[in-house]
Amino acid sequence: MTFPSSRETSGGPVYWSPTSWGLLTVGGVDADALRAVVAENIRAAARRKKVSINALADFATVSRAQMFNVLACTSSATTDWLAKVAGALEVEPWQLLAPRHFGPARRSRPRES
């Protein structure tokens, strides 16, 4: 079986490098960027729910250590883990993966004439 190179995958599906076995791309987003998006969305959703990170981990029945590792981007979240956290936050799991999904709402200012 041959594996495509990273040049062949830009913007495409997930491919694995046969030499490093590291993630090359996910729809044009690298793994580090995706971990940062997940961390940002968990923090923002927790702020909106006015719940601490420790309380969120407890309510989601995930370890606090894993929660802080995911938030520090030193560990990747599994789909099961994301489902637990999303359930505790009362959001859909995909919303934790969407860039800037829980970002601050834009305020409209009146235009100056």
Protein backbone atom coordinates (compact mmCIF):
# COMPACT_ATOMS: atom_id res chain seq x y z
CA MET A 1 0.00 0.00 0.00
CA THR A 2 1.35 3.44 -0.87
CA PHE A 3 0.59 6.62 0.98
CA PRO A 4 0.17 10.00 -0.71
CA SER A 5 2.60 12.77 0.16
CA SER A 6 1.56 15.94 1.94
CA ARG A 7 1.56 17.80 -1.40
CA GLU A 8 -1.20 15.53 -2.62
CA THR A 9 -3.34 16.08 0.47
CA SER A 10 -3.55 19.84 0.84
CA GLY A 11 -7.16 20.58 1.68
CA GLY A 12 -8.07 16.90 1.38
CA PRO A 13 -8.96 14.11 3.77
CA VAL A 14 -6.77 12.80 6.57
CA TYR A 15 -3.60 11.04 5.43
CA TRP A 16 -0.84 9.49 7.49
CA SER A 17 2.83 9.75 6.76
CA PRO A 18 4.42 6.29 6.48
CA THR A 19 7.69 7.63 7.91
CA SER A 20 6.54 9.60 10.94
CA TRP A 21 2.98 8.32 11.37
CA GLY A 22 2.01 11.90 12.15
CA LEU A 23 -1.10 13.68 11.00
CA LEU A 24 -0.45 15.69 7.86
CA THR A 25 -3.68 17.58 7.25
CA VAL A 26 -7.35 17.53 8.13
CA GLY A 27 -9.14 19.57 5.50
CA GLY A 28 -6.21 22.00 5.43
CA VAL A 29 -5.99 22.35 9.24
CA ASP A 30 -3.01 20.81 10.98
CA ALA A 31 -3.39 18.78 14.17
CA ASP A 32 -1.87 21.46 16.42
CA ALA A 33 -4.29 24.08 15.12
CA LEU A 34 -7.23 21.73 15.61
CA ARG A 35 -6.20 21.02 19.21
CA ALA A 36 -6.02 24.79 19.81
CA VAL A 37 -9.53 25.25 18.36
CA VAL A 38 -10.92 22.55 20.66
CA ALA A 39 -9.22 24.11 23.69
CA GLU A 40 -10.47 27.60 22.81
CA ASN A 41 -14.03 26.36 22.28
CA ILE A 42 -14.12 24.41 25.55
CA ARG A 43 -12.90 27.46 27.48
CA ALA A 44 -15.38 29.78 25.75
CA ALA A 45 -18.32 27.42 26.26
CA ALA A 46 -17.39 26.97 29.93
CA ARG A 47 -17.26 30.76 30.36
CA ARG A 48 -20.69 31.10 28.77
CA LYS A 49 -22.08 28.44 31.13
CA LYS A 50 -20.24 30.14 34.02
CA VAL A 51 -18.64 26.88 35.09
CA SER A 52 -15.05 26.35 36.19
CA ILE A 53 -12.80 23.96 34.31
CA ASN A 54 -12.54 21.69 37.38
CA ALA A 55 -16.33 21.59 37.76
CA LEU A 56 -16.69 20.90 34.03
CA ALA A 57 -14.30 17.94 34.23
CA ASP A 58 -16.17 16.55 37.24
CA PHE A 59 -19.60 16.97 35.64
CA ALA A 60 -18.41 15.43 32.35
CA THR A 61 -16.86 12.52 34.29
CA VAL A 62 -13.45 13.05 32.71
CA SER A 63 -10.23 13.40 34.62
CA ARG A 64 -9.08 16.88 35.51
CA ALA A 65 -5.59 15.96 34.31
CA GLN A 66 -6.91 15.06 30.87
CA MET A 67 -9.00 18.23 30.77
CA PHE A 68 -5.96 20.37 31.48
CA ASN A 69 -3.84 18.41 28.98
CA VAL A 70 -6.41 19.01 26.25
CA LEU A 71 -6.67 22.70 27.18
CA ALA A 72 -2.87 23.00 27.12
CA CYS A 73 -2.83 21.28 23.70
CA THR A 74 -0.44 18.62 24.97
CA SER A 75 -2.98 15.83 24.45
CA SER A 76 -5.59 15.10 21.81
CA ALA A 77 -9.20 14.50 22.75
CA THR A 78 -10.91 11.29 21.67
CA THR A 79 -14.40 11.33 20.20
CA ASP A 80 -15.77 9.70 23.37
CA TRP A 81 -14.07 12.35 25.52
CA LEU A 82 -15.41 15.18 23.32
CA ALA A 83 -18.92 13.70 23.55
CA LYS A 84 -18.76 13.69 27.36
CA VAL A 85 -17.51 17.28 27.55
CA ALA A 86 -20.00 18.47 24.93
CA GLY A 87 -22.82 16.82 26.87
CA ALA A 88 -21.75 18.55 30.06
CA LEU A 89 -21.64 21.88 28.20
CA GLU A 90 -25.02 21.17 26.54
CA VAL A 91 -23.59 21.60 23.03
CA GLU A 92 -23.07 19.25 20.10
CA PRO A 93 -19.59 17.68 19.85
CA TRP A 94 -19.00 19.18 16.39
CA GLN A 95 -19.36 22.64 17.90
CA LEU A 96 -16.16 22.05 19.88
CA LEU A 97 -14.32 21.39 16.61
CA ALA A 98 -15.60 24.41 14.68
CA PRO A 99 -13.18 27.36 14.55
CA ARG A 100 -14.43 30.33 16.59
CA HIS A 101 -17.79 28.69 17.21
CA PHE A 102 -18.11 30.11 20.71
CA GLY A 103 -16.17 33.32 20.10
CA PRO A 104 -17.41 36.63 21.45
CA ALA A 105 -20.52 37.94 19.78
CA ARG A 106 -19.98 40.98 17.62
CA ARG A 107 -21.55 44.15 18.79
CA SER A 108 -22.91 46.46 16.20
CA ARG A 109 -22.07 50.10 16.63
CA PRO A 110 -24.18 52.84 15.15
CA ARG A 111 -22.55 54.30 12.07
CA GLU A 112 -21.29 57.82 12.30
CA SER A 113 -22.79 60.12 9.68
